[in-house]
Amino acid sequence: MALEDILALDRRVHRFVYKAAKNPYLSNTLDHYHNLSLRILYVAMKWCPTLVPRLEDVLREQVLMLEAVCSGDADRAEKIATDHVAVFEVEVRKVM
């Protein structure tokens, strides 16, 4: 799966999670910021291909997040999201 496909999958899951909050203002705001971050991610991953996550890892994280959201487990969803960001930060720092 190409980088574009992975980012498209990620975007679909993010949008689903935003809409699950049932707060249109929050959903629109988060979607706007996610669009901006995708631009940065795309450039960073093209510049440094080691930052491109493995499809299996992306799918595993997305499934865990969707299960947490769908079951209403906010604490678990928050931990998954926080861990996701922290792991990416570590990977970026390794290449800087």
C-alpha atoms as a PDB file:
ATOM      1  CA  MET A   1       0.000   0.000   0.000  1.00  0.00           C
ATOM      2  CA  ALA A   2       1.363   3.398  -0.990  1.00  0.00           C
ATOM      3  CA  LEU A   3       1.898   6.319   1.368  1.00  0.00           C
ATOM      4  CA  GLU A   4      -1.102   8.101  -0.144  1.00  0.00           C
ATOM      5  CA  ASP A   5      -3.322   5.101   0.650  1.00  0.00           C
ATOM      6  CA  ILE A   6      -2.113   4.925   4.243  1.00  0.00           C
ATOM      7  CA  LEU A   7      -2.736   8.644   4.744  1.00  0.00           C
ATOM      8  CA  ALA A   8      -6.194   8.340   3.142  1.00  0.00           C
ATOM      9  CA  LEU A   9      -7.102   5.515   5.521  1.00  0.00           C
ATOM     10  CA  ASP A  10      -5.810   7.544   8.448  1.00  0.00           C
ATOM     11  CA  ARG A  11      -7.889  10.535   7.355  1.00  0.00           C
ATOM     12  CA  ARG A  12     -11.077   8.445   7.089  1.00  0.00           C
ATOM     13  CA  VAL A  13     -10.632   7.072  10.597  1.00  0.00           C
ATOM     14  CA  HIS A  14      -9.876  10.526  12.007  1.00  0.00           C
ATOM     15  CA  ARG A  15     -13.011  11.954  10.403  1.00  0.00           C
ATOM     16  CA  PHE A  16     -15.111   9.101  11.789  1.00  0.00           C
ATOM     17  CA  VAL A  17     -13.787   9.713  15.299  1.00  0.00           C
ATOM     18  CA  TYR A  18     -14.380  13.466  15.008  1.00  0.00           C
ATOM     19  CA  LYS A  19     -17.967  12.904  13.892  1.00  0.00           C
ATOM     20  CA  ALA A  20     -18.553  10.448  16.737  1.00  0.00           C
ATOM     21  CA  ALA A  21     -18.221  13.396  19.132  1.00  0.00           C
ATOM     22  CA  LYS A  22     -21.453  14.785  17.609  1.00  0.00           C
ATOM     23  CA  ASN A  23     -20.085  18.298  17.860  1.00  0.00           C
ATOM     24  CA  PRO A  24     -19.976  19.889  14.390  1.00  0.00           C
ATOM     25  CA  TYR A  25     -17.766  22.770  15.522  1.00  0.00           C
ATOM     26  CA  LEU A  26     -15.222  20.383  17.053  1.00  0.00           C
ATOM     27  CA  SER A  27     -15.396  18.090  14.027  1.00  0.00           C
ATOM     28  CA  ASN A  28     -14.786  20.949  11.574  1.00  0.00           C
ATOM     29  CA  THR A  29     -11.957  22.380  13.675  1.00  0.00           C
ATOM     30  CA  LEU A  30     -10.206  19.026  14.085  1.00  0.00           C
ATOM     31  CA  ASP A  31     -10.653  18.226  10.409  1.00  0.00           C
ATOM     32  CA  HIS A  32      -9.056  21.553   9.485  1.00  0.00           C
ATOM     33  CA  TYR A  33      -6.046  20.916  11.721  1.00  0.00           C
ATOM     34  CA  HIS A  34      -5.742  17.331  10.523  1.00  0.00           C
ATOM     35  CA  ASN A  35      -5.653  18.548   6.908  1.00  0.00           C
ATOM     36  CA  LEU A  36      -2.788  20.883   7.809  1.00  0.00           C
ATOM     37  CA  SER A  37      -0.912  18.139   9.651  1.00  0.00           C
ATOM     38  CA  LEU A  38      -1.316  15.771   6.689  1.00  0.00           C
ATOM     39  CA  ARG A  39       0.580  18.240   4.526  1.00  0.00           C
ATOM     40  CA  ILE A  40       3.463  18.175   6.984  1.00  0.00           C
ATOM     41  CA  LEU A  41       3.293  14.390   7.312  1.00  0.00           C
ATOM     42  CA  TYR A  42       3.322  13.884   3.575  1.00  0.00           C
ATOM     43  CA  VAL A  43       6.396  16.063   3.089  1.00  0.00           C
ATOM     44  CA  ALA A  44       8.197  14.505   6.068  1.00  0.00           C
ATOM     45  CA  MET A  45       7.477  10.961   4.912  1.00  0.00           C
ATOM     46  CA  LYS A  46       8.570  11.714   1.341  1.00  0.00           C
ATOM     47  CA  TRP A  47      11.758  13.299   2.678  1.00  0.00           C
ATOM     48  CA  CYS A  48      12.436  10.437   5.066  1.00  0.00           C
ATOM     49  CA  PRO A  49      10.779   7.147   4.025  1.00  0.00           C
ATOM     50  CA  THR A  50      11.692   5.496   7.346  1.00  0.00           C
ATOM     51  CA  LEU A  51       8.890   7.592   8.858  1.00  0.00           C
ATOM     52  CA  VAL A  52       6.269   5.820   6.741  1.00  0.00           C
ATOM     53  CA  PRO A  53       4.496   3.449   9.115  1.00  0.00           C
ATOM     54  CA  ARG A  54       3.987  -0.190   8.267  1.00  0.00           C
ATOM     55  CA  LEU A  55       0.468  -0.893   7.056  1.00  0.00           C
ATOM     56  CA  GLU A  56       0.008  -3.594   9.700  1.00  0.00           C
ATOM     57  CA  ASP A  57       0.817  -1.097  12.449  1.00  0.00           C
ATOM     58  CA  VAL A  58      -1.553   1.506  11.038  1.00  0.00           C
ATOM     59  CA  LEU A  59      -4.392  -1.003  10.761  1.00  0.00           C
ATOM     60  CA  ARG A  60      -3.798  -2.368  14.268  1.00  0.00           C
ATOM     61  CA  GLU A  61      -3.854   1.125  15.783  1.00  0.00           C
ATOM     62  CA  GLN A  62      -6.914   2.138  13.763  1.00  0.00           C
ATOM     63  CA  VAL A  63      -8.848  -0.971  14.811  1.00  0.00           C
ATOM     64  CA  LEU A  64      -7.965  -0.423  18.475  1.00  0.00           C
ATOM     65  CA  MET A  65      -9.041   3.219  18.239  1.00  0.00           C
ATOM     66  CA  LEU A  66     -12.320   2.394  16.507  1.00  0.00           C
ATOM     67  CA  GLU A  67     -13.093  -0.316  19.074  1.00  0.00           C
ATOM     68  CA  ALA A  68     -12.463   2.136  21.915  1.00  0.00           C
ATOM     69  CA  VAL A  69     -14.603   4.857  20.330  1.00  0.00           C
ATOM     70  CA  CYS A  70     -17.439   2.504  19.419  1.00  0.00           C
ATOM     71  CA  SER A  71     -17.516   1.038  22.931  1.00  0.00           C
ATOM     72  CA  GLY A  72     -17.478   4.503  24.507  1.00  0.00           C
ATOM     73  CA  ASP A  73     -14.134   3.873  26.247  1.00  0.00           C
ATOM     74  CA  ALA A  74     -12.809   7.438  26.238  1.00  0.00           C
ATOM     75  CA  ASP A  75      -9.845   6.664  28.490  1.00  0.00           C
ATOM     76  CA  ARG A  76      -8.638   3.885  26.201  1.00  0.00           C
ATOM     77  CA  ALA A  77      -9.165   6.028  23.086  1.00  0.00           C
ATOM     78  CA  GLU A  78      -7.186   8.843  24.688  1.00  0.00           C
ATOM     79  CA  LYS A  79      -4.313   6.477  25.570  1.00  0.00           C
ATOM     80  CA  ILE A  80      -4.208   5.049  22.047  1.00  0.00           C
ATOM     81  CA  ALA A  81      -4.162   8.553  20.529  1.00  0.00           C
ATOM     82  CA  THR A  82      -1.521   9.808  22.955  1.00  0.00           C
ATOM     83  CA  ASP A  83       0.695   6.768  22.364  1.00  0.00           C
ATOM     84  CA  HIS A  84       0.299   7.182  18.595  1.00  0.00           C
ATOM     85  CA  VAL A  85       1.527  10.775  18.711  1.00  0.00           C
ATOM     86  CA  ALA A  86       4.357   9.953  21.151  1.00  0.00           C
ATOM     87  CA  VAL A  87       5.682   7.101  18.997  1.00  0.00           C
ATOM     88  CA  PHE A  88       5.672   9.295  15.891  1.00  0.00           C
ATOM     89  CA  GLU A  89       7.483  12.049  17.777  1.00  0.00           C
ATOM     90  CA  VAL A  90      10.199   9.589  18.825  1.00  0.00           C
ATOM     91  CA  GLU A  91      10.599   8.427  15.215  1.00  0.00           C
ATOM     92  CA  VAL A  92      10.873  12.001  13.934  1.00  0.00           C
ATOM     93  CA  ARG A  93      13.474  12.851  16.567  1.00  0.00           C
ATOM     94  CA  LYS A  94      15.550   9.836  15.493  1.00  0.00           C
ATOM     95  CA  VAL A  95      15.969  11.237  11.978  1.00  0.00           C
ATOM     96  CA  MET A  96      16.597  14.847  12.979  1.00  0.00           C
END
